[in-house]
């Protein structure tokens, strides 16, 4: 599993329906992290558990001295979790990405749902997008802080 994590002051995700110019908001957070998650073929429950622990323990929030020493839960932050198969896009050849390494939706969707539940069990409030939908993500990156996390 691969996650692109951005520390944010606020973020929202909306689903855009086909043929509709309006978008329906499905998740909104204040201070916290936007986590874009990609799943590959070999991922399973072990990777979900490891990623949940890694994300919940990620110390990217400033303490009183300004050092990144605090976890999301330490600052009462939230997570906006968005499935992102394009994190497994391969651009080494040509100009069109290959998504061969990305898991099929039937494999990836249950793992994304499992990750959402695992984070909540670890005490992290989680908002989400809608798996497989066309989404608009709005965020205000804080720092900026952006990290790639792989398990």
N, C-alpha and C. Protein backbone atom coordinates (compact mmCIF):
# COMPACT_ATOMS: atom_id res chain seq x y z
N UNK A 1 0.85 -1.18 0.00
CA UNK A 1 0.00 0.00 0.00
C UNK A 1 0.89 1.22 0.00
N UNK A 2 0.37 2.25 -0.58
CA UNK A 2 1.10 3.49 -0.73
C UNK A 2 0.16 4.62 -0.33
N UNK A 3 0.65 5.55 0.48
CA UNK A 3 -0.17 6.68 0.90
C UNK A 3 0.60 7.97 0.71
N UNK A 4 -0.06 8.95 0.14
CA UNK A 4 0.48 10.29 0.04
C UNK A 4 -0.23 11.11 1.11
N UNK A 5 0.54 11.61 2.07
CA UNK A 5 -0.02 12.28 3.24
C UNK A 5 0.31 13.76 3.15
N UNK A 6 -0.71 14.59 3.34
CA UNK A 6 -0.50 16.03 3.39
C UNK A 6 -1.09 16.56 4.69
N UNK A 7 -0.28 17.30 5.43
CA UNK A 7 -0.78 17.96 6.63
C UNK A 7 -1.57 19.18 6.17
N UNK A 8 -2.78 19.34 6.70
CA UNK A 8 -3.67 20.39 6.22
C UNK A 8 -4.29 21.17 7.37
N UNK A 9 -4.72 22.40 7.05
CA UNK A 9 -5.51 23.18 8.00
C UNK A 9 -7.00 22.91 7.80
N UNK A 10 -7.36 22.47 6.58
CA UNK A 10 -8.73 22.09 6.27
C UNK A 10 -8.74 21.38 4.93
N UNK A 11 -9.77 20.56 4.72
CA UNK A 11 -9.90 19.84 3.45
C UNK A 11 -11.32 19.33 3.28
N UNK A 12 -11.71 19.12 2.03
CA UNK A 12 -13.03 18.58 1.72
C UNK A 12 -12.94 17.77 0.45
N UNK A 13 -13.82 16.79 0.33
CA UNK A 13 -13.93 16.00 -0.89
C UNK A 13 -15.39 15.96 -1.30
N UNK A 14 -15.61 16.11 -2.61
CA UNK A 14 -16.95 16.07 -3.18
C UNK A 14 -16.96 15.10 -4.34
N UNK A 15 -18.11 14.47 -4.55
CA UNK A 15 -18.29 13.53 -5.65
C UNK A 15 -19.02 14.23 -6.78
N UNK A 16 -18.48 14.08 -7.98
CA UNK A 16 -19.07 14.67 -9.17
C UNK A 16 -19.81 13.55 -9.91
N UNK A 17 -21.12 13.70 -10.06
CA UNK A 17 -21.91 12.72 -10.78
C UNK A 17 -21.76 12.95 -12.28
N UNK A 18 -21.79 11.88 -13.07
CA UNK A 18 -21.68 11.99 -14.53
C UNK A 18 -22.78 12.88 -15.08
N UNK A 19 -22.37 13.82 -15.94
CA UNK A 19 -23.32 14.71 -16.59
C UNK A 19 -23.84 15.82 -15.70
N UNK A 20 -23.41 15.86 -14.46
CA UNK A 20 -23.87 16.87 -13.51
C UNK A 20 -22.71 17.82 -13.21
N UNK A 21 -22.98 19.09 -13.27
CA UNK A 21 -21.92 20.06 -13.00
C UNK A 21 -21.74 20.34 -11.52
N UNK A 22 -22.68 19.91 -10.73
CA UNK A 22 -22.56 20.13 -9.29
C UNK A 22 -21.87 18.95 -8.63
N UNK A 23 -21.34 19.20 -7.47
CA UNK A 23 -20.65 18.14 -6.73
C UNK A 23 -21.27 18.04 -5.34
N UNK A 24 -21.38 16.81 -4.84
CA UNK A 24 -21.94 16.56 -3.52
C UNK A 24 -20.81 16.27 -2.54
N UNK A 25 -20.71 17.08 -1.50
CA UNK A 25 -19.65 16.89 -0.52
C UNK A 25 -19.90 15.60 0.26
N UNK A 26 -18.85 14.77 0.36
CA UNK A 26 -18.96 13.52 1.12
C UNK A 26 -18.10 13.52 2.37
N UNK A 27 -17.14 14.44 2.46
CA UNK A 27 -16.28 14.49 3.62
C UNK A 27 -15.62 15.84 3.78
N UNK A 28 -15.47 16.27 5.02
CA UNK A 28 -14.81 17.54 5.32
C UNK A 28 -14.11 17.39 6.66
N UNK A 29 -12.90 17.94 6.74
CA UNK A 29 -12.16 17.95 7.99
C UNK A 29 -11.59 19.34 8.24
N UNK A 30 -11.23 19.57 9.48
CA UNK A 30 -10.46 20.76 9.83
C UNK A 30 -9.00 20.37 9.84
N UNK A 31 -8.31 20.78 10.86
CA UNK A 31 -6.88 20.50 11.03
C UNK A 31 -6.63 18.99 11.04
N UNK A 32 -5.66 18.53 10.25
CA UNK A 32 -5.36 17.11 10.23
C UNK A 32 -4.54 16.71 9.02
N UNK A 33 -4.91 15.55 8.44
CA UNK A 33 -4.16 15.00 7.31
C UNK A 33 -5.12 14.57 6.20
N UNK A 34 -4.75 14.90 4.98
CA UNK A 34 -5.39 14.28 3.82
C UNK A 34 -4.50 13.11 3.43
N UNK A 35 -5.11 11.94 3.30
CA UNK A 35 -4.36 10.73 2.99
C UNK A 35 -4.94 10.12 1.71
N UNK A 36 -4.16 10.19 0.63
CA UNK A 36 -4.51 9.54 -0.62
C UNK A 36 -3.90 8.14 -0.56
N UNK A 37 -4.71 7.10 -0.79
CA UNK A 37 -4.23 5.73 -0.61
C UNK A 37 -4.36 4.94 -1.91
N UNK A 38 -3.25 4.29 -2.29
CA UNK A 38 -3.24 3.39 -3.43
C UNK A 38 -3.02 1.96 -2.96
N UNK A 39 -3.69 1.03 -3.62
CA UNK A 39 -3.60 -0.39 -3.27
C UNK A 39 -3.03 -1.13 -4.47
N UNK A 40 -2.12 -2.07 -4.21
CA UNK A 40 -1.58 -2.92 -5.26
C UNK A 40 -2.04 -4.36 -5.04
N UNK A 41 -1.75 -5.22 -5.99
CA UNK A 41 -2.26 -6.60 -6.00
C UNK A 41 -1.91 -7.43 -4.78
N UNK A 42 -0.73 -7.25 -4.24
CA UNK A 42 -0.26 -8.09 -3.14
C UNK A 42 -0.74 -7.62 -1.77
N UNK A 43 -1.41 -6.48 -1.69
CA UNK A 43 -1.84 -5.93 -0.41
C UNK A 43 -2.99 -6.73 0.18
N UNK A 44 -2.99 -6.79 1.52
CA UNK A 44 -4.04 -7.48 2.26
C UNK A 44 -4.20 -6.85 3.63
N UNK A 45 -4.83 -7.59 4.53
CA UNK A 45 -5.12 -7.08 5.87
C UNK A 45 -3.86 -6.73 6.65
N UNK A 46 -2.78 -7.45 6.44
CA UNK A 46 -1.53 -7.15 7.15
C UNK A 46 -1.02 -5.76 6.76
N UNK A 47 -1.09 -5.43 5.49
CA UNK A 47 -0.64 -4.11 5.03
C UNK A 47 -1.57 -3.01 5.54
N UNK A 48 -2.87 -3.32 5.58
CA UNK A 48 -3.83 -2.35 6.11
C UNK A 48 -3.50 -2.02 7.56
N UNK A 49 -3.29 -3.04 8.37
CA UNK A 49 -2.99 -2.83 9.79
C UNK A 49 -1.70 -2.04 9.97
N UNK A 50 -0.69 -2.38 9.19
CA UNK A 50 0.60 -1.69 9.29
C UNK A 50 0.46 -0.22 8.87
N UNK A 51 -0.28 0.04 7.80
CA UNK A 51 -0.45 1.41 7.34
C UNK A 51 -1.28 2.22 8.35
N UNK A 52 -2.30 1.62 8.93
CA UNK A 52 -3.11 2.31 9.93
C UNK A 52 -2.25 2.71 11.12
N UNK A 53 -1.42 1.80 11.60
CA UNK A 53 -0.53 2.11 12.72
C UNK A 53 0.45 3.22 12.34
N UNK A 54 1.00 3.12 11.14
CA UNK A 54 1.97 4.12 10.67
C UNK A 54 1.31 5.50 10.57
N UNK A 55 0.14 5.57 9.97
CA UNK A 55 -0.54 6.86 9.81
C UNK A 55 -0.95 7.45 11.15
N UNK A 56 -1.50 6.62 12.04
CA UNK A 56 -1.95 7.13 13.33
C UNK A 56 -0.78 7.57 14.21
N UNK A 57 0.38 7.00 13.98
CA UNK A 57 1.55 7.35 14.78
C UNK A 57 2.48 8.36 14.12
N UNK A 58 2.14 8.79 12.92
CA UNK A 58 2.99 9.71 12.17
C UNK A 58 3.09 11.05 12.89
N UNK A 59 4.29 11.42 13.28
CA UNK A 59 4.50 12.65 14.05
C UNK A 59 4.88 13.79 13.11
N UNK A 60 3.85 14.46 12.60
CA UNK A 60 4.08 15.55 11.65
C UNK A 60 3.46 16.87 12.11
N UNK A 61 2.99 16.91 13.36
CA UNK A 61 2.38 18.12 13.89
C UNK A 61 3.30 18.76 14.91
N UNK A 62 3.31 20.08 14.93
CA UNK A 62 4.26 20.83 15.76
C UNK A 62 3.90 20.78 17.24
N UNK A 63 4.95 20.60 18.04
CA UNK A 63 4.79 20.71 19.49
C UNK A 63 4.97 22.18 19.88
N UNK A 64 5.05 22.47 21.17
CA UNK A 64 5.17 23.86 21.63
C UNK A 64 6.47 24.52 21.20
N UNK A 65 7.47 23.70 20.86
CA UNK A 65 8.75 24.24 20.39
C UNK A 65 8.79 24.37 18.87
N UNK A 66 7.72 23.97 18.19
CA UNK A 66 7.68 24.06 16.74
C UNK A 66 8.25 22.84 16.03
N UNK A 67 8.69 21.83 16.79
CA UNK A 67 9.23 20.60 16.18
C UNK A 67 8.10 19.64 15.85
N UNK A 68 8.26 18.89 14.75
CA UNK A 68 7.24 17.91 14.37
C UNK A 68 7.37 16.69 15.27
N UNK A 69 6.66 16.72 16.40
CA UNK A 69 6.73 15.65 17.40
C UNK A 69 5.37 15.07 17.76
N UNK A 70 4.29 15.64 17.25
CA UNK A 70 2.96 15.22 17.68
C UNK A 70 2.22 14.47 16.59
N UNK A 71 1.39 13.51 17.05
CA UNK A 71 0.54 12.72 16.14
C UNK A 71 -0.77 13.46 15.90
N UNK A 72 -1.50 13.00 14.93
CA UNK A 72 -2.80 13.58 14.60
C UNK A 72 -3.72 13.58 15.82
N UNK A 73 -3.76 12.46 16.53
CA UNK A 73 -4.64 12.37 17.70
C UNK A 73 -4.16 13.29 18.83
N UNK A 74 -2.87 13.56 18.91
CA UNK A 74 -2.34 14.46 19.93
C UNK A 74 -2.87 15.88 19.77
N UNK A 75 -3.15 16.27 18.53
CA UNK A 75 -3.62 17.63 18.25
C UNK A 75 -5.12 17.66 17.93
N UNK A 76 -5.79 16.53 18.22
CA UNK A 76 -7.23 16.38 17.94
C UNK A 76 -7.53 16.65 16.47
N UNK A 77 -6.63 16.15 15.63
CA UNK A 77 -6.79 16.30 14.19
C UNK A 77 -7.66 15.20 13.62
N UNK A 78 -7.97 15.35 12.35
CA UNK A 78 -8.82 14.41 11.63
C UNK A 78 -8.09 13.94 10.38
N UNK A 79 -8.61 12.89 9.76
CA UNK A 79 -8.06 12.39 8.50
C UNK A 79 -9.16 12.40 7.45
N UNK A 80 -8.80 12.90 6.28
CA UNK A 80 -9.66 12.76 5.10
C UNK A 80 -8.98 11.72 4.23
N UNK A 81 -9.62 10.56 4.10
CA UNK A 81 -9.05 9.41 3.38
C UNK A 81 -9.69 9.31 2.00
N UNK A 82 -8.84 9.31 0.97
CA UNK A 82 -9.32 9.26 -0.41
C UNK A 82 -8.58 8.17 -1.17
N UNK A 83 -9.31 7.24 -1.73
CA UNK A 83 -8.72 6.18 -2.55
C UNK A 83 -8.13 6.81 -3.80
N UNK A 84 -6.91 6.38 -4.16
CA UNK A 84 -6.19 7.02 -5.27
C UNK A 84 -5.36 5.99 -6.03
N UNK A 85 -6.00 5.28 -6.97
CA UNK A 85 -5.28 4.24 -7.71
C UNK A 85 -4.12 4.79 -8.51
N UNK A 86 -4.14 6.07 -8.85
CA UNK A 86 -3.07 6.65 -9.67
C UNK A 86 -1.74 6.72 -8.93
N UNK A 87 -1.73 6.46 -7.62
CA UNK A 87 -0.45 6.40 -6.90
C UNK A 87 0.40 5.23 -7.40
N UNK A 88 -0.23 4.27 -8.07
CA UNK A 88 0.52 3.17 -8.66
C UNK A 88 0.69 3.34 -10.17
N UNK A 89 0.54 4.57 -10.65
CA UNK A 89 0.79 4.84 -12.05
C UNK A 89 2.29 4.82 -12.34
N UNK A 90 2.67 4.13 -13.40
CA UNK A 90 4.07 4.01 -13.80
C UNK A 90 4.30 4.89 -15.03
N UNK A 91 5.16 5.88 -14.88
CA UNK A 91 5.43 6.83 -15.97
C UNK A 91 6.84 6.70 -16.54
N UNK A 92 7.48 5.57 -16.27
CA UNK A 92 8.87 5.41 -16.75
C UNK A 92 8.96 5.30 -18.26
N UNK A 93 7.92 4.78 -18.91
CA UNK A 93 7.94 4.63 -20.37
C UNK A 93 6.83 5.48 -20.97
N UNK A 94 7.18 6.24 -21.97
CA UNK A 94 6.19 7.03 -22.68
C UNK A 94 5.59 8.14 -21.85
N UNK A 95 4.45 8.62 -22.32
CA UNK A 95 3.80 9.76 -21.67
C UNK A 95 2.46 9.41 -21.05
N UNK A 96 1.98 8.20 -21.32
CA UNK A 96 0.72 7.76 -20.75
C UNK A 96 1.03 6.79 -19.61
N UNK A 97 0.55 7.10 -18.38
CA UNK A 97 0.86 6.21 -17.25
C UNK A 97 0.25 4.83 -17.44
N UNK A 98 0.95 3.83 -16.96
CA UNK A 98 0.44 2.46 -16.91
C UNK A 98 -0.03 2.20 -15.48
N UNK A 99 -1.20 1.61 -15.35
CA UNK A 99 -1.76 1.34 -14.03
C UNK A 99 -1.82 -0.15 -13.73
N UNK A 100 -0.94 -0.91 -14.34
CA UNK A 100 -0.89 -2.36 -14.17
C UNK A 100 -0.66 -2.74 -12.71
N UNK A 101 0.11 -1.94 -11.99
CA UNK A 101 0.42 -2.26 -10.59
C UNK A 101 -0.73 -1.94 -9.63
N UNK A 102 -1.70 -1.17 -10.08
CA UNK A 102 -2.84 -0.83 -9.22
C UNK A 102 -3.78 -2.02 -9.12
N UNK A 103 -4.28 -2.26 -7.91
CA UNK A 103 -5.21 -3.38 -7.70
C UNK A 103 -6.55 -3.09 -8.37
N UNK A 104 -7.23 -4.15 -8.76
CA UNK A 104 -8.58 -4.04 -9.30
C UNK A 104 -9.51 -3.52 -8.21
N UNK A 105 -10.56 -2.81 -8.59
CA UNK A 105 -11.50 -2.28 -7.60
C UNK A 105 -12.06 -3.34 -6.65
N UNK A 106 -12.30 -4.55 -7.14
CA UNK A 106 -12.85 -5.60 -6.28
C UNK A 106 -11.88 -5.99 -5.17
N UNK A 107 -10.59 -5.81 -5.40
CA UNK A 107 -9.58 -6.09 -4.38
C UNK A 107 -9.33 -4.86 -3.50
N UNK A 108 -9.30 -3.69 -4.12
CA UNK A 108 -8.91 -2.47 -3.41
C UNK A 108 -10.00 -1.92 -2.49
N UNK A 109 -11.23 -1.92 -2.95
CA UNK A 109 -12.31 -1.28 -2.17
C UNK A 109 -12.45 -1.85 -0.76
N UNK A 110 -12.49 -3.17 -0.58
CA UNK A 110 -12.60 -3.68 0.79
C UNK A 110 -11.40 -3.29 1.68
N UNK A 111 -10.23 -3.17 1.08
CA UNK A 111 -9.05 -2.78 1.86
C UNK A 111 -9.10 -1.31 2.27
N UNK A 112 -9.63 -0.47 1.41
CA UNK A 112 -9.81 0.94 1.76
C UNK A 112 -10.82 1.06 2.90
N UNK A 113 -11.90 0.30 2.83
CA UNK A 113 -12.90 0.31 3.91
C UNK A 113 -12.29 -0.22 5.20
N UNK A 114 -11.47 -1.25 5.10
CA UNK A 114 -10.80 -1.82 6.27
C UNK A 114 -9.84 -0.80 6.89
N UNK A 115 -9.13 -0.05 6.05
CA UNK A 115 -8.22 0.98 6.55
C UNK A 115 -9.00 2.07 7.28
N UNK A 116 -10.11 2.48 6.74
CA UNK A 116 -10.95 3.48 7.39
C UNK A 116 -11.35 3.01 8.78
N UNK A 117 -11.81 1.78 8.87
CA UNK A 117 -12.20 1.21 10.16
C UNK A 117 -11.04 1.08 11.13
N UNK A 118 -9.89 0.66 10.62
CA UNK A 118 -8.70 0.49 11.47
C UNK A 118 -8.25 1.83 12.06
N UNK A 119 -8.29 2.89 11.26
CA UNK A 119 -7.91 4.21 11.77
C UNK A 119 -8.89 4.67 12.84
N UNK A 120 -10.17 4.44 12.61
CA UNK A 120 -11.18 4.83 13.60
C UNK A 120 -10.98 4.06 14.90
N UNK A 121 -10.65 2.77 14.80
CA UNK A 121 -10.39 1.97 16.00
C UNK A 121 -9.18 2.49 16.78
N UNK A 122 -8.25 3.13 16.08
CA UNK A 122 -7.07 3.71 16.73
C UNK A 122 -7.34 5.12 17.25
N UNK A 123 -8.59 5.56 17.18
CA UNK A 123 -8.99 6.84 17.74
C UNK A 123 -8.87 8.02 16.81
N UNK A 124 -8.71 7.77 15.51
CA UNK A 124 -8.57 8.85 14.54
C UNK A 124 -9.92 9.09 13.86
N UNK A 125 -10.47 10.30 13.97
CA UNK A 125 -11.70 10.62 13.23
C UNK A 125 -11.40 10.62 11.73
N UNK A 126 -12.22 9.93 10.93
CA UNK A 126 -11.96 9.79 9.50
C UNK A 126 -13.19 10.19 8.69
N UNK A 127 -12.96 11.04 7.70
CA UNK A 127 -13.95 11.37 6.68
C UNK A 127 -13.44 10.76 5.38
N UNK A 128 -14.33 10.46 4.45
CA UNK A 128 -13.90 9.79 3.22
C UNK A 128 -14.56 10.37 1.98
N UNK A 129 -13.95 9.99 0.86
CA UNK A 129 -14.57 10.21 -0.43
C UNK A 129 -15.46 9.01 -0.73
N UNK A 130 -15.75 8.77 -1.99
CA UNK A 130 -16.53 7.60 -2.39
C UNK A 130 -15.68 6.79 -3.38
N UNK A 131 -15.43 5.54 -3.04
CA UNK A 131 -14.57 4.69 -3.84
C UNK A 131 -15.06 4.63 -5.29
N UNK A 132 -14.14 4.81 -6.22
CA UNK A 132 -14.44 4.67 -7.64
C UNK A 132 -15.14 5.86 -8.28
N UNK A 133 -15.47 6.85 -7.49
CA UNK A 133 -16.19 8.02 -8.02
C UNK A 133 -15.19 9.06 -8.52
N UNK A 134 -15.69 9.93 -9.38
CA UNK A 134 -14.91 11.10 -9.78
C UNK A 134 -15.07 12.11 -8.66
N UNK A 135 -13.95 12.54 -8.09
CA UNK A 135 -14.01 13.41 -6.92
C UNK A 135 -13.22 14.69 -7.13
N UNK A 136 -13.63 15.69 -6.38
CA UNK A 136 -12.88 16.94 -6.28
C UNK A 136 -12.40 17.05 -4.84
N UNK A 137 -11.10 17.23 -4.70
CA UNK A 137 -10.52 17.37 -3.37
C UNK A 137 -9.98 18.79 -3.24
N UNK A 138 -10.43 19.47 -2.21
CA UNK A 138 -9.93 20.81 -1.90
C UNK A 138 -9.19 20.72 -0.58
N UNK A 139 -7.98 21.28 -0.55
CA UNK A 139 -7.22 21.24 0.70
C UNK A 139 -6.32 22.45 0.81
N UNK A 140 -6.00 22.77 2.05
CA UNK A 140 -5.03 23.81 2.34
C UNK A 140 -3.86 23.11 3.04
N UNK A 141 -2.77 22.91 2.28
CA UNK A 141 -1.60 22.22 2.81
C UNK A 141 -0.94 23.13 3.85
N UNK A 142 -0.62 22.56 4.99
CA UNK A 142 -0.04 23.29 6.11
C UNK A 142 1.44 23.01 6.20
N UNK A 143 2.26 23.98 5.91
CA UNK A 143 3.71 23.80 6.00
C UNK A 143 4.46 24.37 4.82
N UNK A 144 4.39 23.80 3.67
CA UNK A 144 3.69 22.57 3.31
C UNK A 144 4.42 21.33 3.83
N UNK A 145 3.63 20.34 4.22
CA UNK A 145 4.15 19.05 4.64
C UNK A 145 3.47 17.98 3.80
N UNK A 146 4.26 17.26 3.01
CA UNK A 146 3.75 16.17 2.17
C UNK A 146 4.73 15.02 2.25
N UNK A 147 4.23 13.81 2.55
CA UNK A 147 5.07 12.64 2.70
C UNK A 147 4.49 11.46 1.94
N UNK A 148 5.37 10.63 1.40
CA UNK A 148 4.98 9.37 0.79
C UNK A 148 5.27 8.27 1.78
N UNK A 149 4.24 7.49 2.12
CA UNK A 149 4.37 6.40 3.09
C UNK A 149 4.06 5.09 2.37
N UNK A 150 4.97 4.12 2.46
CA UNK A 150 4.75 2.81 1.82
C UNK A 150 4.92 1.72 2.85
N UNK A 151 4.05 0.71 2.77
CA UNK A 151 4.17 -0.46 3.63
C UNK A 151 4.14 -1.71 2.78
